[in-house]
Amino acid sequence: MELRHFGFTQSVPETEGGDRRDAFRAARAELGGYPTPIAFSERERQVLNAICDEIIPPGRGFPAPSSVGVVEDFFTRYIAPKGATVTRFPDVIEDTFKSGLATLGQEFLTKDHAGRVAALERLEIEQSEFFGQLRALTYGGYYSRPEVIAALRHHHDAGRDYRGAPQPYGYEGSTMDWGDMIPPRKQAGYTATEDVKRLVPRGR
């Protein structure tokens, strides 16, 4: 069985007669970040912040990722340090991640908006796995930031009860095992327009 989350396809063992969500829970990476955060050079930090701001542009009351610590507070805790066993979302290793980042080069920072977007589009094609990791870390980090959660609550009616705790996996119980509670299927019907009769209240 294959499960998809945050752009990644993950193979997990089939469960016999059980809840399919059990396989997902067993296979997914742990949350909470690694105990020892990795360190980025100043150039790496600048490039990553620029990338995040292109993936999620600020505006309409929402802050830029670079202004809320997505790279400094989230990337550094969810990328496996050298020599560590990869156990955290989204299964990123420091050495390979930094190697992928280096391909963008220092010149990424000198590009304008259009040039940066073009560079990221090429990256998505040429290094799709690395780009997927960048995107997953950006989304996961951004929507866990208190400032972003506050903006969602303030600017969207549907976000008034939003909280960041379920990120990045969502609410575990949102997909219920309905079992016998599934309503019986009934054949649908309709009334033709010409058969609709107007109801006139009594006394009129």
C-alpha atoms as a PDB file:
ATOM      1  CA  MET A   1       0.000   0.000   0.000  1.00  0.00           C
ATOM      2  CA  GLU A   2       1.256   3.496  -0.825  1.00  0.00           C
ATOM      3  CA  LEU A   3       0.426   6.620   1.186  1.00  0.00           C
ATOM      4  CA  ARG A   4       1.023  10.181   0.041  1.00  0.00           C
ATOM      5  CA  HIS A   5       1.710  13.092   2.373  1.00  0.00           C
ATOM      6  CA  PHE A   6       3.365  16.428   1.680  1.00  0.00           C
ATOM      7  CA  GLY A   7       4.199  15.430  -1.862  1.00  0.00           C
ATOM      8  CA  PHE A   8       5.977  12.199  -0.895  1.00  0.00           C
ATOM      9  CA  THR A   9       4.884   8.656  -1.752  1.00  0.00           C
ATOM     10  CA  GLN A  10       5.586   6.172   1.012  1.00  0.00           C
ATOM     11  CA  SER A  11       5.189   2.381   0.841  1.00  0.00           C
ATOM     12  CA  VAL A  12       3.812   0.805   4.018  1.00  0.00           C
ATOM     13  CA  PRO A  13       2.844  -2.774   4.847  1.00  0.00           C
ATOM     14  CA  GLU A  14      -0.721  -3.909   4.338  1.00  0.00           C
ATOM     15  CA  THR A  15      -2.747  -4.539   7.466  1.00  0.00           C
ATOM     16  CA  GLU A  16      -4.954  -7.603   7.666  1.00  0.00           C
ATOM     17  CA  GLY A  17      -8.430  -6.863   8.886  1.00  0.00           C
ATOM     18  CA  GLY A  18      -7.325  -3.758  10.742  1.00  0.00           C
ATOM     19  CA  ASP A  19      -7.508  -0.006  10.466  1.00  0.00           C
ATOM     20  CA  ARG A  20      -5.454   1.218   7.494  1.00  0.00           C
ATOM     21  CA  ARG A  21      -4.503   4.259   9.536  1.00  0.00           C
ATOM     22  CA  ASP A  22      -2.448   1.958  11.793  1.00  0.00           C
ATOM     23  CA  ALA A  23      -0.015   1.332   8.922  1.00  0.00           C
ATOM     24  CA  PHE A  24       0.329   5.068   8.329  1.00  0.00           C
ATOM     25  CA  ARG A  25       0.963   5.765  12.023  1.00  0.00           C
ATOM     26  CA  ALA A  26       3.640   3.058  12.148  1.00  0.00           C
ATOM     27  CA  ALA A  27       5.456   4.219   9.001  1.00  0.00           C
ATOM     28  CA  ARG A  28       5.412   7.981   9.339  1.00  0.00           C
ATOM     29  CA  ALA A  29       8.296   9.926  10.791  1.00  0.00           C
ATOM     30  CA  GLU A  30       8.199  11.231  14.328  1.00  0.00           C
ATOM     31  CA  LEU A  31       7.342  14.839  15.071  1.00  0.00           C
ATOM     32  CA  GLY A  32       9.045  17.300  17.367  1.00  0.00           C
ATOM     33  CA  GLY A  33      12.349  17.851  15.642  1.00  0.00           C
ATOM     34  CA  TYR A  34      15.814  16.476  16.391  1.00  0.00           C
ATOM     35  CA  PRO A  35      17.311  17.223  19.820  1.00  0.00           C
ATOM     36  CA  THR A  36      20.370  18.883  18.269  1.00  0.00           C
ATOM     37  CA  PRO A  37      19.583  21.424  15.539  1.00  0.00           C
ATOM     38  CA  ILE A  38      21.838  21.677  12.520  1.00  0.00           C
ATOM     39  CA  ALA A  39      23.630  24.919  11.637  1.00  0.00           C
ATOM     40  CA  PHE A  40      23.487  26.850   8.372  1.00  0.00           C
ATOM     41  CA  SER A  41      26.117  29.242   7.118  1.00  0.00           C
ATOM     42  CA  GLU A  42      25.024  32.836   6.632  1.00  0.00           C
ATOM     43  CA  ARG A  43      24.837  32.320   2.866  1.00  0.00           C
ATOM     44  CA  GLU A  44      22.772  29.140   3.221  1.00  0.00           C
ATOM     45  CA  ARG A  45      20.412  30.885   5.600  1.00  0.00           C
ATOM     46  CA  GLN A  46      19.960  33.821   3.221  1.00  0.00           C
ATOM     47  CA  VAL A  47      19.309  31.559   0.233  1.00  0.00           C
ATOM     48  CA  LEU A  48      16.807  29.441   2.152  1.00  0.00           C
ATOM     49  CA  ASN A  49      14.937  32.492   3.400  1.00  0.00           C
ATOM     50  CA  ALA A  50      14.780  33.831  -0.152  1.00  0.00           C
ATOM     51  CA  ILE A  51      13.455  30.485  -1.395  1.00  0.00           C
ATOM     52  CA  CYS A  52      10.785  30.331   1.312  1.00  0.00           C
ATOM     53  CA  ASP A  53       9.613  33.860   0.467  1.00  0.00           C
ATOM     54  CA  GLU A  54       9.146  32.804  -3.160  1.00  0.00           C
ATOM     55  CA  ILE A  55       7.282  29.602  -2.285  1.00  0.00           C
ATOM     56  CA  ILE A  56       4.964  31.471   0.098  1.00  0.00           C
ATOM     57  CA  PRO A  57       4.950  35.181  -0.769  1.00  0.00           C
ATOM     58  CA  PRO A  58       3.825  37.541   2.007  1.00  0.00           C
ATOM     59  CA  GLY A  59       0.764  39.734   1.685  1.00  0.00           C
ATOM     60  CA  ARG A  60      -2.872  40.286   2.688  1.00  0.00           C
ATOM     61  CA  GLY A  61      -2.018  40.219   6.350  1.00  0.00           C
ATOM     62  CA  PHE A  62       0.288  37.214   6.184  1.00  0.00           C
ATOM     63  CA  PRO A  63       3.981  37.572   7.104  1.00  0.00           C
ATOM     64  CA  ALA A  64       6.927  36.500   5.007  1.00  0.00           C
ATOM     65  CA  PRO A  65       8.412  33.126   5.998  1.00  0.00           C
ATOM     66  CA  SER A  66      11.776  34.850   6.455  1.00  0.00           C
ATOM     67  CA  SER A  67      10.279  37.104   9.138  1.00  0.00           C
ATOM     68  CA  VAL A  68       8.880  34.349  11.365  1.00  0.00           C
ATOM     69  CA  GLY A  69      11.866  32.021  11.746  1.00  0.00           C
ATOM     70  CA  VAL A  70      10.856  29.230   9.382  1.00  0.00           C
ATOM     71  CA  VAL A  71      14.472  28.494   8.467  1.00  0.00           C
ATOM     72  CA  GLU A  72      16.070  29.285  11.825  1.00  0.00           C
ATOM     73  CA  ASP A  73      13.506  27.523  14.040  1.00  0.00           C
ATOM     74  CA  PHE A  74      12.002  24.800  11.832  1.00  0.00           C
ATOM     75  CA  PHE A  75      14.430  23.795   9.083  1.00  0.00           C
ATOM     76  CA  THR A  76      17.250  23.423  11.590  1.00  0.00           C
ATOM     77  CA  ARG A  77      15.222  21.038  13.771  1.00  0.00           C
ATOM     78  CA  TYR A  78      13.667  18.876  11.040  1.00  0.00           C
ATOM     79  CA  ILE A  79      16.786  18.082   9.007  1.00  0.00           C
ATOM     80  CA  ALA A  80      18.723  15.094  10.332  1.00  0.00           C
ATOM     81  CA  PRO A  81      22.238  16.098  11.540  1.00  0.00           C
ATOM     82  CA  LYS A  82      25.300  14.317  10.178  1.00  0.00           C
ATOM     83  CA  GLY A  83      25.487  10.788  11.533  1.00  0.00           C
ATOM     84  CA  ALA A  84      21.942  10.815  12.943  1.00  0.00           C
ATOM     85  CA  THR A  85      19.294   8.241  12.069  1.00  0.00           C
ATOM     86  CA  VAL A  86      16.545   9.822   9.972  1.00  0.00           C
ATOM     87  CA  THR A  87      13.354   9.565  12.016  1.00  0.00           C
ATOM     88  CA  ARG A  88      11.662  12.934  11.563  1.00  0.00           C
ATOM     89  CA  PHE A  89       9.440  14.455   8.922  1.00  0.00           C
ATOM     90  CA  PRO A  90      10.168  14.851   6.046  1.00  0.00           C
ATOM     91  CA  ASP A  91      13.121  12.412   5.998  1.00  0.00           C
ATOM     92  CA  VAL A  92      15.841  14.939   5.105  1.00  0.00           C
ATOM     93  CA  ILE A  93      19.579  14.390   5.657  1.00  0.00           C
ATOM     94  CA  GLU A  94      21.875  17.372   6.310  1.00  0.00           C
ATOM     95  CA  ASP A  95      24.647  16.460   3.856  1.00  0.00           C
ATOM     96  CA  THR A  96      22.384  15.761   0.873  1.00  0.00           C
ATOM     97  CA  PHE A  97      20.178  18.746   1.656  1.00  0.00           C
ATOM     98  CA  LYS A  98      23.103  21.161   1.742  1.00  0.00           C
ATOM     99  CA  SER A  99      24.538  19.652  -1.438  1.00  0.00           C
ATOM    100  CA  GLY A 100      21.252  20.276  -3.202  1.00  0.00           C
ATOM    101  CA  LEU A 101      21.125  23.822  -1.870  1.00  0.00           C
ATOM    102  CA  ALA A 102      24.636  24.522  -3.146  1.00  0.00           C
ATOM    103  CA  THR A 103      23.530  23.923  -6.729  1.00  0.00           C
ATOM    104  CA  LEU A 104      21.544  27.163  -6.619  1.00  0.00           C
ATOM    105  CA  GLY A 105      24.724  29.123  -6.011  1.00  0.00           C
ATOM    106  CA  GLN A 106      25.314  32.545  -4.495  1.00  0.00           C
ATOM    107  CA  GLU A 107      23.882  34.179  -7.617  1.00  0.00           C
ATOM    108  CA  PHE A 108      20.359  33.148  -6.545  1.00  0.00           C
ATOM    109  CA  LEU A 109      20.385  36.081  -4.125  1.00  0.00           C
ATOM    110  CA  THR A 110      21.215  38.562  -6.870  1.00  0.00           C
ATOM    111  CA  LYS A 111      18.266  37.541  -9.055  1.00  0.00           C
ATOM    112  CA  ASP A 112      15.009  39.462  -9.165  1.00  0.00           C
ATOM    113  CA  HIS A 113      11.637  37.839  -8.484  1.00  0.00           C
ATOM    114  CA  ALA A 114      11.255  36.463 -12.011  1.00  0.00           C
ATOM    115  CA  GLY A 115      14.791  35.073 -12.007  1.00  0.00           C
ATOM    116  CA  ARG A 116      14.293  33.342  -8.670  1.00  0.00           C
ATOM    117  CA  VAL A 117      11.021  31.780  -9.787  1.00  0.00           C
ATOM    118  CA  ALA A 118      12.685  30.525 -12.982  1.00  0.00           C
ATOM    119  CA  ALA A 119      15.555  29.023 -10.964  1.00  0.00           C
ATOM    120  CA  LEU A 120      13.114  27.236  -8.646  1.00  0.00           C
ATOM    121  CA  GLU A 121      11.106  25.921 -11.588  1.00  0.00           C
ATOM    122  CA  ARG A 122      14.299  24.425 -13.041  1.00  0.00           C
ATOM    123  CA  LEU A 123      15.148  22.975  -9.641  1.00  0.00           C
ATOM    124  CA  GLU A 124      11.723  21.334  -9.431  1.00  0.00           C
ATOM    125  CA  ILE A 125      12.363  19.590 -12.749  1.00  0.00           C
ATOM    126  CA  GLU A 126      16.048  18.728 -12.345  1.00  0.00           C
ATOM    127  CA  GLN A 127      16.050  17.860  -8.615  1.00  0.00           C
ATOM    128  CA  SER A 128      12.449  16.991  -7.856  1.00  0.00           C
ATOM    129  CA  GLU A 129      13.183  15.130  -4.608  1.00  0.00           C
ATOM    130  CA  PHE A 130      15.210  18.005  -3.172  1.00  0.00           C
ATOM    131  CA  PHE A 131      12.603  20.544  -4.270  1.00  0.00           C
ATOM    132  CA  GLY A 132       9.904  18.439  -2.599  1.00  0.00           C
ATOM    133  CA  GLN A 133      11.881  18.530   0.648  1.00  0.00           C
ATOM    134  CA  LEU A 134      12.254  22.302   0.398  1.00  0.00           C
ATOM    135  CA  ARG A 135       8.555  22.723  -0.211  1.00  0.00           C
ATOM    136  CA  ALA A 136       7.543  20.364   2.590  1.00  0.00           C
ATOM    137  CA  LEU A 137       9.802  22.089   5.116  1.00  0.00           C
ATOM    138  CA  THR A 138       8.548  25.506   4.016  1.00  0.00           C
ATOM    139  CA  TYR A 139       4.865  24.596   4.300  1.00  0.00           C
ATOM    140  CA  GLY A 140       5.284  22.647   7.517  1.00  0.00           C
ATOM    141  CA  GLY A 141       7.343  25.369   9.149  1.00  0.00           C
ATOM    142  CA  TYR A 142       5.256  28.313   7.956  1.00  0.00           C
ATOM    143  CA  TYR A 143       1.884  27.008   9.061  1.00  0.00           C
ATOM    144  CA  SER A 144       3.242  26.062  12.483  1.00  0.00           C
ATOM    145  CA  ARG A 145       4.401  29.624  13.259  1.00  0.00           C
ATOM    146  CA  PRO A 146       2.325  31.479  15.902  1.00  0.00           C
ATOM    147  CA  GLU A 147       2.222  34.608  13.723  1.00  0.00           C
ATOM    148  CA  VAL A 148       0.765  32.650  10.798  1.00  0.00           C
ATOM    149  CA  ILE A 149      -1.763  30.870  12.990  1.00  0.00           C
ATOM    150  CA  ALA A 150      -2.870  34.274  14.307  1.00  0.00           C
ATOM    151  CA  ALA A 151      -3.190  35.594  10.737  1.00  0.00           C
ATOM    152  CA  LEU A 152      -5.305  32.605   9.705  1.00  0.00           C
ATOM    153  CA  ARG A 153      -7.621  33.148  12.649  1.00  0.00           C
ATOM    154  CA  HIS A 154      -7.898  36.864  11.997  1.00  0.00           C
ATOM    155  CA  HIS A 155      -8.262  36.971   8.216  1.00  0.00           C
ATOM    156  CA  HIS A 156     -10.315  33.846   7.471  1.00  0.00           C
ATOM    157  CA  ASP A 157     -13.652  32.882   8.988  1.00  0.00           C
ATOM    158  CA  ALA A 158     -12.853  29.208   8.406  1.00  0.00           C
ATOM    159  CA  GLY A 159      -9.585  29.626  10.313  1.00  0.00           C
ATOM    160  CA  ARG A 160     -10.977  30.994  13.554  1.00  0.00           C
ATOM    161  CA  ASP A 161     -10.572  27.655  15.308  1.00  0.00           C
ATOM    162  CA  TYR A 162      -7.354  26.710  13.502  1.00  0.00           C
ATOM    163  CA  ARG A 163      -4.406  25.600  15.604  1.00  0.00           C
ATOM    164  CA  GLY A 164      -0.966  24.517  14.520  1.00  0.00           C
ATOM    165  CA  ALA A 165      -0.554  21.440  16.702  1.00  0.00           C
ATOM    166  CA  PRO A 166      -1.733  18.883  14.101  1.00  0.00           C
ATOM    167  CA  GLN A 167       0.853  20.005  11.537  1.00  0.00           C
ATOM    168  CA  PRO A 168       2.216  18.486   9.415  1.00  0.00           C
ATOM    169  CA  TYR A 169       0.001  15.385   9.528  1.00  0.00           C
ATOM    170  CA  GLY A 170      -3.384  16.946  10.227  1.00  0.00           C
ATOM    171  CA  TYR A 171      -6.016  15.649  12.619  1.00  0.00           C
ATOM    172  CA  GLU A 172      -5.569  11.912  13.053  1.00  0.00           C
ATOM    173  CA  GLY A 173      -9.241  11.282  13.760  1.00  0.00           C
ATOM    174  CA  SER A 174     -10.612  13.318  10.885  1.00  0.00           C
ATOM    175  CA  THR A 175     -10.993  10.215   8.704  1.00  0.00           C
ATOM    176  CA  MET A 176     -13.316   7.971  10.657  1.00  0.00           C
ATOM    177  CA  ASP A 177     -13.778   4.256  10.250  1.00  0.00           C
ATOM    178  CA  TRP A 178     -17.531   4.525   9.656  1.00  0.00           C
ATOM    179  CA  GLY A 179     -18.185   0.778   9.503  1.00  0.00           C
ATOM    180  CA  ASP A 180     -21.915   0.084   9.973  1.00  0.00           C
ATOM    181  CA  MET A 181     -22.634   3.804  10.302  1.00  0.00           C
ATOM    182  CA  ILE A 182     -22.448   4.331   6.537  1.00  0.00           C
ATOM    183  CA  PRO A 183     -25.956   5.411   5.451  1.00  0.00           C
ATOM    184  CA  PRO A 184     -27.708   3.012   3.065  1.00  0.00           C
ATOM    185  CA  ARG A 185     -27.664   4.094  -0.538  1.00  0.00           C
ATOM    186  CA  LYS A 186     -30.988   5.230  -1.923  1.00  0.00           C
ATOM    187  CA  GLN A 187     -31.952   6.029  -5.452  1.00  0.00           C
ATOM    188  CA  ALA A 188     -32.190   9.775  -5.918  1.00  0.00           C
ATOM    189  CA  GLY A 189     -35.299  11.415  -7.271  1.00  0.00           C
ATOM    190  CA  TYR A 190     -36.527  14.796  -8.366  1.00  0.00           C
ATOM    191  CA  THR A 191     -39.675  16.673  -9.227  1.00  0.00           C
ATOM    192  CA  ALA A 192     -39.913  18.063 -12.731  1.00  0.00           C
ATOM    193  CA  THR A 193     -40.354  21.801 -12.935  1.00  0.00           C
ATOM    194  CA  GLU A 194     -43.766  21.528 -14.585  1.00  0.00           C
ATOM    195  CA  ASP A 195     -44.967  19.317 -11.715  1.00  0.00           C
ATOM    196  CA  VAL A 196     -44.014  21.754  -8.978  1.00  0.00           C
ATOM    197  CA  LYS A 197     -47.098  23.304  -7.374  1.00  0.00           C
ATOM    198  CA  ARG A 198     -47.159  26.588  -5.563  1.00  0.00           C
ATOM    199  CA  LEU A 199     -48.325  26.444  -1.967  1.00  0.00           C
ATOM    200  CA  VAL A 200     -50.659  29.255  -0.991  1.00  0.00           C
ATOM    201  CA  PRO A 201     -51.059  29.814   2.783  1.00  0.00           C
ATOM    202  CA  ARG A 202     -54.602  29.658   4.092  1.00  0.00           C
ATOM    203  CA  GLY A 203     -56.393  32.942   4.545  1.00  0.00           C
ATOM    204  CA  ARG A 204     -54.976  34.534   1.416  1.00  0.00           C
END
